[in-house]
Amino acid sequence: MRNTGNSADWTTPAQVLENEGSNEGGPFMTSRRLALVAAPVLTALAAAALAAPSPAFGADAAAVFKKKCAPCHGKEGQPNKIFAKQGVRSFKDAEWQKATKDAQIEESIRMGKKGTMMASFEKQLSDEEVTALVAYIRTLGPGE
């Protein structure tokens, strides 16, 4: 904004754009006006990019998996024989990977599975961590 000393003379970014056709001040002033208008927009975009969660593994899904899931499902997604006999899911199972939707995995993580060893993690994990875990679990399946 530009001020000529009178409070009524403040120039808003919108006014700068409207007056862009005038050559007042020459090309240097035009560039300066554009910079004044663009700076807040670029700052807002940069702040939004920094605040946005990283894709899929933004919650460091491998670390969350190791801490919360690996004790039962195994480090590589394959439970040991004792847990497997008790019905703990193997994420290496190609048929299960193909037949199970992401939403089902998310629900199991959040709500647990009644009548099984699968506990609810709804109060322990954020939405971002659950989403990242689903993506990570998908990487544990056999390659196609």
N, C-alpha and C. Protein backbone atom coordinates (compact mmCIF):
# COMPACT_ATOMS: atom_id res chain seq x y z
N MET A 1 0.83 -1.18 0.00
CA MET A 1 0.00 0.00 0.00
C MET A 1 0.88 1.24 0.00
N ARG A 2 0.41 2.26 -0.67
CA ARG A 2 1.16 3.49 -0.81
C ARG A 2 0.41 4.60 -0.08
N ASN A 3 1.15 5.45 0.62
CA ASN A 3 0.55 6.54 1.37
C ASN A 3 1.25 7.83 0.98
N THR A 4 0.44 8.84 0.65
CA THR A 4 0.99 10.15 0.29
C THR A 4 0.91 11.12 1.45
N GLY A 5 0.61 10.61 2.63
CA GLY A 5 0.53 11.47 3.80
C GLY A 5 -0.90 11.66 4.27
N ASN A 6 -1.83 11.50 3.42
CA ASN A 6 -3.24 11.64 3.75
C ASN A 6 -3.83 10.24 3.87
N SER A 7 -4.56 9.95 4.96
CA SER A 7 -5.08 8.60 5.17
C SER A 7 -6.04 8.18 4.07
N ALA A 8 -6.62 9.12 3.36
CA ALA A 8 -7.54 8.79 2.26
C ALA A 8 -6.77 8.38 1.01
N ASP A 9 -5.45 8.57 1.01
CA ASP A 9 -4.64 8.28 -0.18
C ASP A 9 -4.01 6.88 -0.17
N TRP A 10 -4.38 6.01 0.75
CA TRP A 10 -3.82 4.66 0.76
C TRP A 10 -4.23 3.92 -0.50
N THR A 11 -3.31 3.19 -1.10
CA THR A 11 -3.59 2.42 -2.31
C THR A 11 -3.62 0.95 -1.94
N THR A 12 -4.69 0.27 -2.28
CA THR A 12 -4.82 -1.17 -1.99
C THR A 12 -4.22 -1.96 -3.15
N PRO A 13 -3.91 -3.25 -2.93
CA PRO A 13 -3.41 -4.09 -4.03
C PRO A 13 -4.37 -4.12 -5.22
N ALA A 14 -5.68 -4.14 -4.94
CA ALA A 14 -6.65 -4.14 -6.04
C ALA A 14 -6.55 -2.87 -6.86
N GLN A 15 -6.34 -1.72 -6.19
CA GLN A 15 -6.21 -0.46 -6.90
C GLN A 15 -4.93 -0.44 -7.73
N VAL A 16 -3.89 -1.04 -7.20
CA VAL A 16 -2.63 -1.11 -7.95
C VAL A 16 -2.86 -1.86 -9.25
N LEU A 17 -3.59 -2.97 -9.17
CA LEU A 17 -3.86 -3.74 -10.38
C LEU A 17 -4.74 -2.95 -11.35
N GLU A 18 -5.74 -2.20 -10.83
CA GLU A 18 -6.61 -1.40 -11.68
C GLU A 18 -5.81 -0.33 -12.42
N ASN A 19 -4.85 0.28 -11.73
CA ASN A 19 -4.06 1.37 -12.31
C ASN A 19 -2.86 0.87 -13.08
N GLU A 20 -2.73 -0.41 -13.25
CA GLU A 20 -1.56 -0.98 -13.90
C GLU A 20 -1.40 -0.46 -15.32
N GLY A 21 -2.52 -0.08 -15.95
CA GLY A 21 -2.44 0.43 -17.32
C GLY A 21 -1.74 1.78 -17.39
N SER A 22 -1.78 2.55 -16.31
CA SER A 22 -1.10 3.86 -16.36
C SER A 22 0.39 3.63 -16.26
N ASN A 23 1.15 4.52 -16.81
CA ASN A 23 2.59 4.38 -16.81
C ASN A 23 3.22 5.30 -15.78
N GLU A 24 2.45 5.63 -14.75
CA GLU A 24 2.94 6.52 -13.70
C GLU A 24 4.15 5.88 -13.01
N GLY A 25 5.27 6.56 -13.06
CA GLY A 25 6.47 6.04 -12.41
C GLY A 25 7.31 5.15 -13.31
N GLY A 26 6.87 4.86 -14.49
CA GLY A 26 7.64 4.07 -15.44
C GLY A 26 7.62 2.59 -15.11
N PRO A 27 8.42 1.79 -15.85
CA PRO A 27 8.40 0.33 -15.69
C PRO A 27 8.88 -0.12 -14.30
N PHE A 28 9.78 0.67 -13.69
CA PHE A 28 10.25 0.29 -12.35
C PHE A 28 9.10 0.27 -11.35
N MET A 29 8.24 1.28 -11.41
CA MET A 29 7.10 1.37 -10.50
C MET A 29 6.11 0.24 -10.78
N THR A 30 5.93 -0.12 -12.04
CA THR A 30 5.03 -1.21 -12.40
C THR A 30 5.53 -2.51 -11.77
N SER A 31 6.82 -2.79 -11.88
CA SER A 31 7.40 -3.99 -11.29
C SER A 31 7.27 -3.97 -9.77
N ARG A 32 7.49 -2.80 -9.21
CA ARG A 32 7.39 -2.66 -7.76
C ARG A 32 5.96 -2.92 -7.29
N ARG A 33 4.99 -2.40 -8.04
CA ARG A 33 3.58 -2.62 -7.69
C ARG A 33 3.23 -4.10 -7.76
N LEU A 34 3.69 -4.74 -8.82
CA LEU A 34 3.43 -6.18 -8.96
C LEU A 34 4.05 -6.96 -7.79
N ALA A 35 5.24 -6.58 -7.40
CA ALA A 35 5.89 -7.24 -6.28
C ALA A 35 5.10 -7.05 -5.00
N LEU A 36 4.57 -5.87 -4.79
CA LEU A 36 3.77 -5.59 -3.60
C LEU A 36 2.49 -6.41 -3.58
N VAL A 37 1.90 -6.63 -4.73
CA VAL A 37 0.68 -7.41 -4.82
C VAL A 37 1.00 -8.91 -4.71
N ALA A 38 2.07 -9.35 -5.36
CA ALA A 38 2.41 -10.77 -5.40
C ALA A 38 2.98 -11.29 -4.08
N ALA A 39 3.68 -10.45 -3.34
CA ALA A 39 4.34 -10.92 -2.11
C ALA A 39 3.39 -11.57 -1.12
N PRO A 40 2.24 -10.95 -0.79
CA PRO A 40 1.33 -11.60 0.17
C PRO A 40 0.76 -12.92 -0.37
N VAL A 41 0.50 -12.95 -1.67
CA VAL A 41 -0.04 -14.18 -2.27
C VAL A 41 0.99 -15.30 -2.19
N LEU A 42 2.22 -15.00 -2.56
CA LEU A 42 3.28 -16.01 -2.50
C LEU A 42 3.56 -16.46 -1.07
N THR A 43 3.50 -15.53 -0.14
CA THR A 43 3.69 -15.87 1.27
C THR A 43 2.60 -16.82 1.74
N ALA A 44 1.36 -16.54 1.37
CA ALA A 44 0.24 -17.41 1.76
C ALA A 44 0.39 -18.80 1.15
N LEU A 45 0.79 -18.87 -0.12
CA LEU A 45 1.00 -20.16 -0.76
C LEU A 45 2.12 -20.95 -0.10
N ALA A 46 3.21 -20.29 0.23
CA ALA A 46 4.33 -20.95 0.89
C ALA A 46 3.91 -21.47 2.26
N ALA A 47 3.15 -20.67 3.00
CA ALA A 47 2.69 -21.10 4.33
C ALA A 47 1.78 -22.30 4.22
N ALA A 48 0.91 -22.31 3.21
CA ALA A 48 0.00 -23.44 3.01
C ALA A 48 0.78 -24.70 2.65
N ALA A 49 1.80 -24.56 1.83
CA ALA A 49 2.60 -25.72 1.44
C ALA A 49 3.35 -26.30 2.64
N LEU A 50 3.84 -25.44 3.50
CA LEU A 50 4.56 -25.92 4.68
C LEU A 50 3.62 -26.56 5.69
N ALA A 51 2.39 -26.07 5.77
CA ALA A 51 1.44 -26.60 6.74
C ALA A 51 0.78 -27.89 6.26
N ALA A 52 0.76 -28.10 4.95
CA ALA A 52 0.09 -29.28 4.41
C ALA A 52 0.87 -30.54 4.77
N PRO A 53 0.16 -31.62 5.11
CA PRO A 53 0.85 -32.85 5.42
C PRO A 53 1.53 -33.43 4.19
N SER A 54 2.63 -34.08 4.39
CA SER A 54 3.32 -34.73 3.30
C SER A 54 2.48 -35.89 2.79
N PRO A 55 2.66 -36.27 1.55
CA PRO A 55 1.89 -37.38 1.03
C PRO A 55 2.19 -38.68 1.75
N ALA A 56 1.25 -39.55 1.79
CA ALA A 56 1.27 -40.91 2.32
C ALA A 56 2.13 -41.17 3.54
N PHE A 57 3.42 -40.88 3.48
CA PHE A 57 4.29 -41.25 4.58
C PHE A 57 4.65 -40.06 5.46
N GLY A 58 3.85 -38.98 5.37
CA GLY A 58 4.10 -37.78 6.15
C GLY A 58 4.13 -38.03 7.65
N ALA A 59 3.39 -39.00 8.11
CA ALA A 59 3.33 -39.28 9.54
C ALA A 59 4.44 -40.24 9.95
N ASP A 60 5.42 -40.45 9.07
CA ASP A 60 6.48 -41.42 9.29
C ASP A 60 5.87 -42.78 9.62
N ALA A 61 5.14 -43.28 8.66
CA ALA A 61 4.37 -44.52 8.81
C ALA A 61 5.24 -45.70 9.22
N ALA A 62 6.46 -45.77 8.72
CA ALA A 62 7.33 -46.90 9.08
C ALA A 62 7.60 -46.92 10.59
N ALA A 63 7.83 -45.75 11.16
CA ALA A 63 8.08 -45.67 12.61
C ALA A 63 6.82 -45.99 13.40
N VAL A 64 5.67 -45.49 12.93
CA VAL A 64 4.40 -45.79 13.60
C VAL A 64 4.12 -47.28 13.51
N PHE A 65 4.31 -47.86 12.33
CA PHE A 65 4.09 -49.30 12.14
C PHE A 65 4.99 -50.10 13.09
N LYS A 66 6.25 -49.73 13.14
CA LYS A 66 7.20 -50.45 13.99
C LYS A 66 6.77 -50.43 15.46
N LYS A 67 6.27 -49.27 15.91
CA LYS A 67 5.89 -49.12 17.31
C LYS A 67 4.53 -49.74 17.63
N LYS A 68 3.54 -49.51 16.76
CA LYS A 68 2.16 -49.91 17.07
C LYS A 68 1.73 -51.23 16.46
N CYS A 69 2.25 -51.58 15.31
CA CYS A 69 1.75 -52.73 14.56
C CYS A 69 2.68 -53.94 14.56
N ALA A 70 3.99 -53.68 14.45
CA ALA A 70 4.96 -54.76 14.32
C ALA A 70 4.96 -55.75 15.49
N PRO A 71 4.66 -55.34 16.71
CA PRO A 71 4.64 -56.33 17.78
C PRO A 71 3.72 -57.52 17.49
N CYS A 72 2.64 -57.31 16.77
CA CYS A 72 1.74 -58.42 16.42
C CYS A 72 1.89 -58.85 14.96
N HIS A 73 1.99 -57.88 14.06
CA HIS A 73 2.01 -58.17 12.63
C HIS A 73 3.41 -58.45 12.09
N GLY A 74 4.44 -58.26 12.90
CA GLY A 74 5.81 -58.49 12.47
C GLY A 74 6.40 -57.28 11.76
N LYS A 75 7.73 -57.17 11.80
CA LYS A 75 8.43 -56.02 11.21
C LYS A 75 8.16 -55.87 9.71
N GLU A 76 8.01 -56.99 9.03
CA GLU A 76 7.81 -56.97 7.58
C GLU A 76 6.36 -57.22 7.19
N GLY A 77 5.44 -57.22 8.19
CA GLY A 77 4.03 -57.44 7.90
C GLY A 77 3.60 -58.90 7.96
N GLN A 78 4.50 -59.76 8.40
CA GLN A 78 4.21 -61.20 8.53
C GLN A 78 4.30 -61.57 10.01
N PRO A 79 3.17 -61.91 10.65
CA PRO A 79 3.22 -62.25 12.08
C PRO A 79 3.98 -63.56 12.31
N ASN A 80 4.50 -63.72 13.52
CA ASN A 80 5.15 -64.99 13.83
C ASN A 80 4.09 -66.09 13.93
N LYS A 81 4.52 -67.31 14.03
CA LYS A 81 3.60 -68.46 14.00
C LYS A 81 2.56 -68.40 15.11
N ILE A 82 2.95 -67.98 16.29
CA ILE A 82 2.02 -67.92 17.42
C ILE A 82 0.89 -66.92 17.13
N PHE A 83 1.25 -65.73 16.68
CA PHE A 83 0.24 -64.73 16.37
C PHE A 83 -0.59 -65.14 15.15
N ALA A 84 0.05 -65.74 14.16
CA ALA A 84 -0.67 -66.18 12.96
C ALA A 84 -1.74 -67.21 13.33
N LYS A 85 -1.42 -68.12 14.25
CA LYS A 85 -2.39 -69.13 14.69
C LYS A 85 -3.57 -68.48 15.42
N GLN A 86 -3.35 -67.33 16.00
CA GLN A 86 -4.41 -66.62 16.72
C GLN A 86 -5.20 -65.68 15.79
N GLY A 87 -4.89 -65.73 14.51
CA GLY A 87 -5.66 -64.97 13.52
C GLY A 87 -5.12 -63.60 13.17
N VAL A 88 -3.90 -63.29 13.59
CA VAL A 88 -3.32 -61.99 13.24
C VAL A 88 -3.02 -61.97 11.74
N ARG A 89 -3.48 -60.93 11.09
CA ARG A 89 -3.39 -60.78 9.64
C ARG A 89 -1.95 -60.65 9.16
N SER A 90 -1.66 -61.33 8.04
CA SER A 90 -0.39 -61.14 7.34
C SER A 90 -0.63 -60.14 6.22
N PHE A 91 0.13 -59.07 6.20
CA PHE A 91 0.02 -58.07 5.14
C PHE A 91 0.75 -58.50 3.88
N LYS A 92 1.43 -59.64 3.94
CA LYS A 92 2.12 -60.20 2.77
C LYS A 92 1.17 -60.99 1.89
N ASP A 93 -0.02 -61.28 2.38
CA ASP A 93 -1.01 -62.10 1.68
C ASP A 93 -1.58 -61.34 0.48
N ALA A 94 -1.25 -61.79 -0.73
CA ALA A 94 -1.68 -61.11 -1.96
C ALA A 94 -3.20 -61.09 -2.10
N GLU A 95 -3.86 -62.17 -1.74
CA GLU A 95 -5.32 -62.22 -1.86
C GLU A 95 -5.97 -61.21 -0.92
N TRP A 96 -5.47 -61.12 0.31
CA TRP A 96 -6.01 -60.16 1.26
C TRP A 96 -5.77 -58.73 0.76
N GLN A 97 -4.56 -58.45 0.28
CA GLN A 97 -4.24 -57.11 -0.23
C GLN A 97 -5.20 -56.72 -1.37
N LYS A 98 -5.50 -57.68 -2.23
CA LYS A 98 -6.36 -57.39 -3.38
C LYS A 98 -7.83 -57.22 -2.95
N ALA A 99 -8.28 -58.02 -2.02
CA ALA A 99 -9.70 -58.04 -1.63
C ALA A 99 -10.08 -56.96 -0.62
N THR A 100 -9.11 -56.42 0.10
CA THR A 100 -9.40 -55.48 1.19
C THR A 100 -9.25 -54.04 0.72
N LYS A 101 -10.30 -53.26 0.94
CA LYS A 101 -10.28 -51.84 0.57
C LYS A 101 -9.56 -51.03 1.65
N ASP A 102 -9.00 -49.89 1.24
CA ASP A 102 -8.32 -49.00 2.18
C ASP A 102 -9.23 -48.61 3.34
N ALA A 103 -10.50 -48.35 3.03
CA ALA A 103 -11.45 -47.94 4.07
C ALA A 103 -11.61 -49.03 5.13
N GLN A 104 -11.55 -50.29 4.72
CA GLN A 104 -11.65 -51.40 5.68
C GLN A 104 -10.44 -51.44 6.60
N ILE A 105 -9.28 -51.19 6.03
CA ILE A 105 -8.05 -51.18 6.84
C ILE A 105 -8.11 -50.02 7.82
N GLU A 106 -8.52 -48.85 7.34
CA GLU A 106 -8.65 -47.68 8.21
C GLU A 106 -9.60 -47.96 9.37
N GLU A 107 -10.73 -48.57 9.07
CA GLU A 107 -11.72 -48.88 10.11
C GLU A 107 -11.15 -49.86 11.13
N SER A 108 -10.42 -50.85 10.66
CA SER A 108 -9.82 -51.82 11.59
C SER A 108 -8.80 -51.14 12.51
N ILE A 109 -8.03 -50.24 11.96
CA ILE A 109 -7.03 -49.52 12.77
C ILE A 109 -7.74 -48.63 13.79
N ARG A 110 -8.73 -47.90 13.33
CA ARG A 110 -9.43 -46.97 14.23
C ARG A 110 -10.27 -47.69 15.29
N MET A 111 -11.07 -48.65 14.86
CA MET A 111 -12.06 -49.26 15.74
C MET A 111 -11.63 -50.60 16.36
N GLY A 112 -10.60 -51.20 15.80
CA GLY A 112 -10.24 -52.54 16.24
C GLY A 112 -11.19 -53.55 15.63
N LYS A 113 -11.02 -54.81 15.98
CA LYS A 113 -11.92 -55.85 15.47
C LYS A 113 -12.39 -56.69 16.64
N LYS A 114 -13.66 -56.55 16.94
CA LYS A 114 -14.26 -57.26 18.07
C LYS A 114 -14.05 -58.77 17.91
N GLY A 115 -13.71 -59.42 19.02
CA GLY A 115 -13.52 -60.86 19.01
C GLY A 115 -12.16 -61.31 18.51
N THR A 116 -11.27 -60.32 18.23
CA THR A 116 -9.91 -60.65 17.78
C THR A 116 -8.91 -59.91 18.67
N MET A 117 -7.65 -60.08 18.37
CA MET A 117 -6.60 -59.38 19.12
C MET A 117 -6.42 -57.93 18.65
N MET A 118 -7.07 -57.58 17.55
CA MET A 118 -6.89 -56.23 16.98
C MET A 118 -7.58 -55.19 17.85
N ALA A 119 -6.75 -54.36 18.49
CA ALA A 119 -7.25 -53.30 19.38
C ALA A 119 -7.55 -52.04 18.59
N SER A 120 -8.35 -51.16 19.16
CA SER A 120 -8.64 -49.86 18.57
C SER A 120 -7.46 -48.92 18.82
N PHE A 121 -7.09 -48.19 17.78
CA PHE A 121 -6.03 -47.18 17.91
C PHE A 121 -6.58 -45.78 17.67
N GLU A 122 -7.91 -45.65 17.74
CA GLU A 122 -8.58 -44.38 17.45
C GLU A 122 -8.06 -43.24 18.32
N LYS A 123 -7.81 -43.51 19.59
CA LYS A 123 -7.37 -42.45 20.51
C LYS A 123 -5.85 -42.30 20.54
N GLN A 124 -5.15 -43.23 19.90
CA GLN A 124 -3.69 -43.20 19.94
C GLN A 124 -3.06 -42.66 18.67
N LEU A 125 -3.81 -42.69 17.56
CA LEU A 125 -3.25 -42.27 16.27
C LEU A 125 -4.08 -41.14 15.66
N SER A 126 -3.41 -40.20 15.04
CA SER A 126 -4.10 -39.11 14.33
C SER A 126 -4.64 -39.63 13.01
N ASP A 127 -5.52 -38.85 12.38
CA ASP A 127 -6.04 -39.21 11.06
C ASP A 127 -4.89 -39.35 10.06
N GLU A 128 -3.93 -38.45 10.15
CA GLU A 128 -2.77 -38.48 9.25
C GLU A 128 -1.98 -39.78 9.43
N GLU A 129 -1.79 -40.19 10.67
CA GLU A 129 -1.04 -41.42 10.93
C GLU A 129 -1.79 -42.65 10.41
N VAL A 130 -3.11 -42.68 10.57
CA VAL A 130 -3.91 -43.80 10.08
C VAL A 130 -3.82 -43.88 8.56
N THR A 131 -3.98 -42.76 7.90
CA THR A 131 -3.89 -42.72 6.43
C THR A 131 -2.51 -43.17 5.97
N ALA A 132 -1.47 -42.71 6.65
CA ALA A 132 -0.10 -43.09 6.30
C ALA A 132 0.12 -44.58 6.53
N LEU A 133 -0.45 -45.11 7.60
CA LEU A 133 -0.31 -46.55 7.89
C LEU A 133 -0.95 -47.39 6.79
N VAL A 134 -2.12 -46.98 6.32
CA VAL A 134 -2.78 -47.74 5.25
C VAL A 134 -1.88 -47.79 4.03
N ALA A 135 -1.31 -46.66 3.65
CA ALA A 135 -0.40 -46.61 2.49
C ALA A 135 0.82 -47.50 2.75
N TYR A 136 1.34 -47.46 3.97
CA TYR A 136 2.50 -48.28 4.30
C TYR A 136 2.16 -49.77 4.25
N ILE A 137 1.01 -50.14 4.78
CA ILE A 137 0.58 -51.55 4.77
C ILE A 137 0.50 -52.04 3.33
N ARG A 138 0.06 -51.17 2.43
CA ARG A 138 -0.02 -51.56 1.01
C ARG A 138 1.37 -51.87 0.45
N THR A 139 2.39 -51.23 0.95
CA THR A 139 3.75 -51.49 0.43
C THR A 139 4.29 -52.82 0.92
N LEU A 140 3.68 -53.39 1.94
CA LEU A 140 4.15 -54.66 2.49
C LEU A 140 3.68 -55.87 1.70
N GLY A 141 2.66 -55.66 0.87
CA GLY A 141 2.15 -56.76 0.04
C GLY A 141 3.14 -57.11 -1.06
N PRO A 142 2.91 -58.26 -1.68
CA PRO A 142 3.81 -58.66 -2.78
C PRO A 142 3.66 -57.69 -3.95
N GLY A 143 4.74 -57.44 -4.65
CA GLY A 143 4.70 -56.56 -5.83
C GLY A 143 3.88 -57.21 -6.92
N GLU A 144 3.33 -56.37 -7.78
CA GLU A 144 2.48 -56.92 -8.85
C GLU A 144 3.26 -57.11 -10.11
